Amino acid sequence: MTATHTAPLGFPENLFALMRRVGNLMAKGILAVAIIFMAGLIAVATAAAGIALAAFALILRLSGSKDQESQTHYEEHAENGAVTLEARKTPRGWTVE
């Protein structure tokens, strides 16, 4: 009588399969960490750019020109002198007070 047996799971095949699976898992883990790191880096860079733009806009707003044109006042009096309009020039245009 001849006995047929399947080949036992050999050492090299199991070890190489395990190493291949571990390598694939490590590669996926490294890729996931790299993606998360780059997303965080992009978020920080975007926030820094936004803060820099806001600071620049604030500096421009606070250091507005003080020339004569921006300080020009316009007054109009009615014929009977009852109505007085005072207008001043602002960065958005004329404001009547």
N, C-alpha and C. Protein backbone atom coordinates (compact mmCIF):
# COMPACT_ATOMS: atom_id res chain seq x y z
N MET A 1 0.82 -1.14 0.00
CA MET A 1 0.00 0.00 0.00
C MET A 1 0.89 1.23 0.00
N THR A 2 0.53 2.13 -0.86
CA THR A 2 1.30 3.35 -0.99
C THR A 2 0.53 4.48 -0.31
N ALA A 3 1.20 5.15 0.52
CA ALA A 3 0.57 6.27 1.23
C ALA A 3 0.88 7.56 0.49
N THR A 4 -0.12 8.30 0.25
CA THR A 4 0.09 9.62 -0.35
C THR A 4 -0.11 10.67 0.73
N HIS A 5 0.82 11.50 0.79
CA HIS A 5 0.76 12.59 1.76
C HIS A 5 0.99 13.91 1.03
N THR A 6 0.37 14.91 1.53
CA THR A 6 0.68 16.22 0.99
C THR A 6 1.97 16.68 1.65
N ALA A 7 2.67 17.49 0.94
CA ALA A 7 3.93 17.97 1.49
C ALA A 7 3.63 18.87 2.70
N PRO A 8 4.37 18.66 3.74
CA PRO A 8 4.15 19.51 4.92
C PRO A 8 4.53 20.95 4.58
N LEU A 9 3.91 21.84 5.28
CA LEU A 9 4.26 23.23 5.06
C LEU A 9 5.71 23.40 5.45
N GLY A 10 6.51 23.68 4.46
CA GLY A 10 7.94 23.72 4.69
C GLY A 10 8.39 25.03 5.29
N PHE A 11 9.55 25.01 5.83
CA PHE A 11 10.13 26.17 6.50
C PHE A 11 10.34 27.34 5.54
N PRO A 12 10.98 27.15 4.41
CA PRO A 12 11.25 28.32 3.57
C PRO A 12 9.98 28.98 3.04
N GLU A 13 9.00 28.18 2.63
CA GLU A 13 7.80 28.76 2.06
C GLU A 13 7.05 29.59 3.10
N ASN A 14 6.93 29.08 4.31
CA ASN A 14 6.22 29.81 5.35
C ASN A 14 6.97 31.08 5.74
N LEU A 15 8.26 30.98 5.87
CA LEU A 15 9.04 32.14 6.29
C LEU A 15 8.98 33.24 5.24
N PHE A 16 9.13 32.86 3.98
CA PHE A 16 9.09 33.87 2.92
C PHE A 16 7.71 34.50 2.78
N ALA A 17 6.66 33.69 2.94
CA ALA A 17 5.29 34.22 2.88
C ALA A 17 5.06 35.18 4.05
N LEU A 18 5.53 34.81 5.21
CA LEU A 18 5.39 35.68 6.38
C LEU A 18 6.17 36.98 6.18
N MET A 19 7.38 36.87 5.66
CA MET A 19 8.19 38.07 5.42
C MET A 19 7.52 38.96 4.37
N ARG A 20 6.93 38.36 3.35
CA ARG A 20 6.26 39.14 2.32
C ARG A 20 5.04 39.86 2.90
N ARG A 21 4.27 39.18 3.73
CA ARG A 21 3.10 39.81 4.35
C ARG A 21 3.51 40.93 5.31
N VAL A 22 4.53 40.69 6.09
CA VAL A 22 5.01 41.72 7.02
C VAL A 22 5.54 42.92 6.24
N GLY A 23 6.27 42.64 5.15
CA GLY A 23 6.78 43.73 4.31
C GLY A 23 5.65 44.55 3.70
N ASN A 24 4.61 43.88 3.21
CA ASN A 24 3.47 44.60 2.66
C ASN A 24 2.77 45.43 3.72
N LEU A 25 2.61 44.88 4.90
CA LEU A 25 1.96 45.61 5.99
C LEU A 25 2.80 46.82 6.40
N MET A 26 4.11 46.64 6.47
CA MET A 26 4.98 47.76 6.84
C MET A 26 4.95 48.84 5.76
N ALA A 27 4.94 48.45 4.50
CA ALA A 27 4.88 49.43 3.41
C ALA A 27 3.58 50.22 3.48
N LYS A 28 2.46 49.56 3.73
CA LYS A 28 1.18 50.26 3.86
C LYS A 28 1.19 51.20 5.07
N GLY A 29 1.78 50.76 6.16
CA GLY A 29 1.87 51.60 7.35
C GLY A 29 2.72 52.84 7.11
N ILE A 30 3.85 52.65 6.45
CA ILE A 30 4.73 53.79 6.16
C ILE A 30 4.03 54.76 5.21
N LEU A 31 3.32 54.24 4.22
CA LEU A 31 2.57 55.10 3.30
C LEU A 31 1.48 55.88 4.02
N ALA A 32 0.78 55.22 4.95
CA ALA A 32 -0.27 55.91 5.71
C ALA A 32 0.32 57.01 6.57
N VAL A 33 1.43 56.73 7.23
CA VAL A 33 2.08 57.75 8.06
C VAL A 33 2.57 58.91 7.20
N ALA A 34 3.11 58.63 6.03
CA ALA A 34 3.58 59.69 5.14
C ALA A 34 2.42 60.57 4.67
N ILE A 35 1.29 59.96 4.35
CA ILE A 35 0.12 60.73 3.91
C ILE A 35 -0.38 61.62 5.03
N ILE A 36 -0.47 61.09 6.24
CA ILE A 36 -0.94 61.88 7.39
C ILE A 36 0.04 63.01 7.67
N PHE A 37 1.33 62.74 7.60
CA PHE A 37 2.34 63.77 7.85
C PHE A 37 2.23 64.89 6.82
N MET A 38 2.09 64.54 5.54
CA MET A 38 1.99 65.56 4.50
C MET A 38 0.70 66.37 4.65
N ALA A 39 -0.40 65.74 5.03
CA ALA A 39 -1.65 66.48 5.23
C ALA A 39 -1.49 67.47 6.38
N GLY A 40 -0.84 67.05 7.45
CA GLY A 40 -0.59 67.96 8.57
C GLY A 40 0.33 69.10 8.18
N LEU A 41 1.35 68.78 7.40
CA LEU A 41 2.29 69.82 6.94
C LEU A 41 1.59 70.84 6.05
N ILE A 42 0.72 70.38 5.17
CA ILE A 42 -0.03 71.28 4.30
C ILE A 42 -0.98 72.14 5.13
N ALA A 43 -1.61 71.56 6.14
CA ALA A 43 -2.53 72.33 6.99
C ALA A 43 -1.78 73.41 7.76
N VAL A 44 -0.62 73.08 8.29
CA VAL A 44 0.16 74.07 9.04
C VAL A 44 0.66 75.17 8.11
N ALA A 45 1.11 74.81 6.91
CA ALA A 45 1.58 75.82 5.96
C ALA A 45 0.44 76.74 5.53
N THR A 46 -0.74 76.19 5.32
CA THR A 46 -1.89 77.00 4.95
C THR A 46 -2.27 77.96 6.07
N ALA A 47 -2.25 77.47 7.30
CA ALA A 47 -2.57 78.32 8.45
C ALA A 47 -1.53 79.44 8.60
N ALA A 48 -0.27 79.11 8.42
CA ALA A 48 0.78 80.12 8.52
C ALA A 48 0.63 81.17 7.43
N ALA A 49 0.29 80.75 6.23
CA ALA A 49 0.09 81.71 5.14
C ALA A 49 -1.11 82.61 5.43
N GLY A 50 -2.17 82.05 5.97
CA GLY A 50 -3.34 82.84 6.32
C GLY A 50 -3.04 83.87 7.41
N ILE A 51 -2.28 83.47 8.41
CA ILE A 51 -1.91 84.39 9.48
C ILE A 51 -1.01 85.48 8.94
N ALA A 52 -0.09 85.13 8.06
CA ALA A 52 0.80 86.13 7.47
C ALA A 52 0.01 87.13 6.63
N LEU A 53 -0.95 86.65 5.84
CA LEU A 53 -1.78 87.56 5.04
C LEU A 53 -2.62 88.47 5.93
N ALA A 54 -3.18 87.91 6.99
CA ALA A 54 -3.98 88.73 7.90
C ALA A 54 -3.13 89.79 8.59
N ALA A 55 -1.92 89.42 9.00
CA ALA A 55 -1.03 90.38 9.63
C ALA A 55 -0.63 91.48 8.65
N PHE A 56 -0.36 91.12 7.42
CA PHE A 56 0.00 92.10 6.40
C PHE A 56 -1.16 93.05 6.13
N ALA A 57 -2.38 92.50 6.05
CA ALA A 57 -3.56 93.34 5.82
C ALA A 57 -3.78 94.29 7.00
N LEU A 58 -3.55 93.82 8.22
CA LEU A 58 -3.69 94.66 9.41
C LEU A 58 -2.65 95.77 9.41
N ILE A 59 -1.44 95.44 9.04
CA ILE A 59 -0.38 96.46 8.97
C ILE A 59 -0.73 97.52 7.93
N LEU A 60 -1.21 97.07 6.77
CA LEU A 60 -1.61 98.03 5.74
C LEU A 60 -2.77 98.90 6.21
N ARG A 61 -3.69 98.32 6.92
CA ARG A 61 -4.86 99.07 7.40
C ARG A 61 -4.45 100.10 8.44
N LEU A 62 -3.57 99.71 9.35
CA LEU A 62 -3.17 100.62 10.42
C LEU A 62 -2.18 101.68 9.96
N SER A 63 -1.45 101.41 8.91
CA SER A 63 -0.47 102.38 8.43
C SER A 63 -0.98 103.10 7.19
N GLY A 64 -2.28 103.38 7.16
CA GLY A 64 -2.88 104.06 6.02
C GLY A 64 -2.27 105.44 5.84
N SER A 65 -2.34 105.94 4.62
CA SER A 65 -1.72 107.22 4.31
C SER A 65 -2.45 108.35 5.03
N LYS A 66 -1.70 109.35 5.43
CA LYS A 66 -2.25 110.51 6.14
C LYS A 66 -2.12 111.76 5.28
N ASP A 67 -2.21 111.60 3.97
CA ASP A 67 -2.06 112.75 3.09
C ASP A 67 -3.31 113.64 3.13
N GLN A 68 -3.24 114.76 2.44
CA GLN A 68 -4.31 115.74 2.47
C GLN A 68 -5.60 115.19 1.87
N GLU A 69 -5.48 114.37 0.85
CA GLU A 69 -6.69 113.89 0.18
C GLU A 69 -7.55 113.04 1.12
N SER A 70 -6.91 112.25 1.98
CA SER A 70 -7.70 111.41 2.87
C SER A 70 -8.29 112.23 4.01
N GLN A 71 -7.79 113.42 4.28
CA GLN A 71 -8.30 114.27 5.34
C GLN A 71 -9.24 115.36 4.83
N THR A 72 -9.57 115.30 3.55
CA THR A 72 -10.43 116.32 2.97
C THR A 72 -11.83 116.23 3.54
N HIS A 73 -12.37 117.37 3.94
CA HIS A 73 -13.75 117.43 4.43
C HIS A 73 -14.55 118.28 3.47
N TYR A 74 -15.78 117.89 3.28
CA TYR A 74 -16.66 118.62 2.39
C TYR A 74 -17.89 119.03 3.19
N GLU A 75 -18.20 120.28 3.19
CA GLU A 75 -19.36 120.77 3.93
C GLU A 75 -20.27 121.52 2.97
N GLU A 76 -21.54 121.32 3.16
CA GLU A 76 -22.52 122.02 2.34
C GLU A 76 -23.56 122.63 3.27
N HIS A 77 -23.88 123.87 3.04
CA HIS A 77 -24.87 124.56 3.85
C HIS A 77 -26.06 124.90 2.98
N ALA A 78 -27.22 124.74 3.52
CA ALA A 78 -28.43 125.12 2.79
C ALA A 78 -28.51 126.64 2.74
N GLU A 79 -29.39 127.17 1.87
CA GLU A 79 -29.51 128.62 1.71
C GLU A 79 -29.96 129.29 2.99
N ASN A 80 -30.83 128.62 3.73
CA ASN A 80 -31.29 129.23 4.97
C ASN A 80 -30.38 128.88 6.15
N GLY A 81 -29.38 128.06 5.93
CA GLY A 81 -28.42 127.72 6.95
C GLY A 81 -28.88 126.64 7.92
N ALA A 82 -30.01 126.00 7.67
CA ALA A 82 -30.56 125.03 8.61
C ALA A 82 -29.93 123.65 8.45
N VAL A 83 -29.53 123.28 7.26
CA VAL A 83 -29.03 121.92 7.01
C VAL A 83 -27.53 122.00 6.77
N THR A 84 -26.79 121.18 7.49
CA THR A 84 -25.34 121.11 7.31
C THR A 84 -24.97 119.65 7.10
N LEU A 85 -24.32 119.36 6.01
CA LEU A 85 -23.83 118.02 5.75
C LEU A 85 -22.31 118.04 5.87
N GLU A 86 -21.79 117.09 6.59
CA GLU A 86 -20.35 116.95 6.69
C GLU A 86 -19.98 115.59 6.12
N ALA A 87 -19.08 115.60 5.20
CA ALA A 87 -18.65 114.35 4.58
C ALA A 87 -17.14 114.24 4.70
N ARG A 88 -16.69 113.05 4.90
CA ARG A 88 -15.24 112.83 4.93
C ARG A 88 -14.93 111.63 4.06
N LYS A 89 -13.75 111.66 3.49
CA LYS A 89 -13.35 110.59 2.59
C LYS A 89 -12.75 109.45 3.40
N THR A 90 -13.23 108.25 3.14
CA THR A 90 -12.72 107.03 3.79
C THR A 90 -12.18 106.12 2.70
N PRO A 91 -11.50 105.04 3.08
CA PRO A 91 -11.01 104.10 2.05
C PRO A 91 -12.13 103.50 1.21
N ARG A 92 -13.34 103.46 1.75
CA ARG A 92 -14.47 102.88 1.01
C ARG A 92 -15.25 103.93 0.22
N GLY A 93 -14.87 105.17 0.35
CA GLY A 93 -15.58 106.24 -0.35
C GLY A 93 -15.92 107.35 0.62
N TRP A 94 -16.88 108.16 0.26
CA TRP A 94 -17.28 109.28 1.11
C TRP A 94 -18.29 108.82 2.14
N THR A 95 -18.16 109.34 3.37
CA THR A 95 -19.09 109.07 4.44
C THR A 95 -19.71 110.39 4.87
N VAL A 96 -21.02 110.41 4.92
CA VAL A 96 -21.73 111.62 5.33
C VAL A 96 -22.15 111.46 6.78
N GLU A 97 -21.84 112.44 7.56
CA GLU A 97 -22.18 112.41 8.99
C GLU A 97 -23.17 113.50 9.31
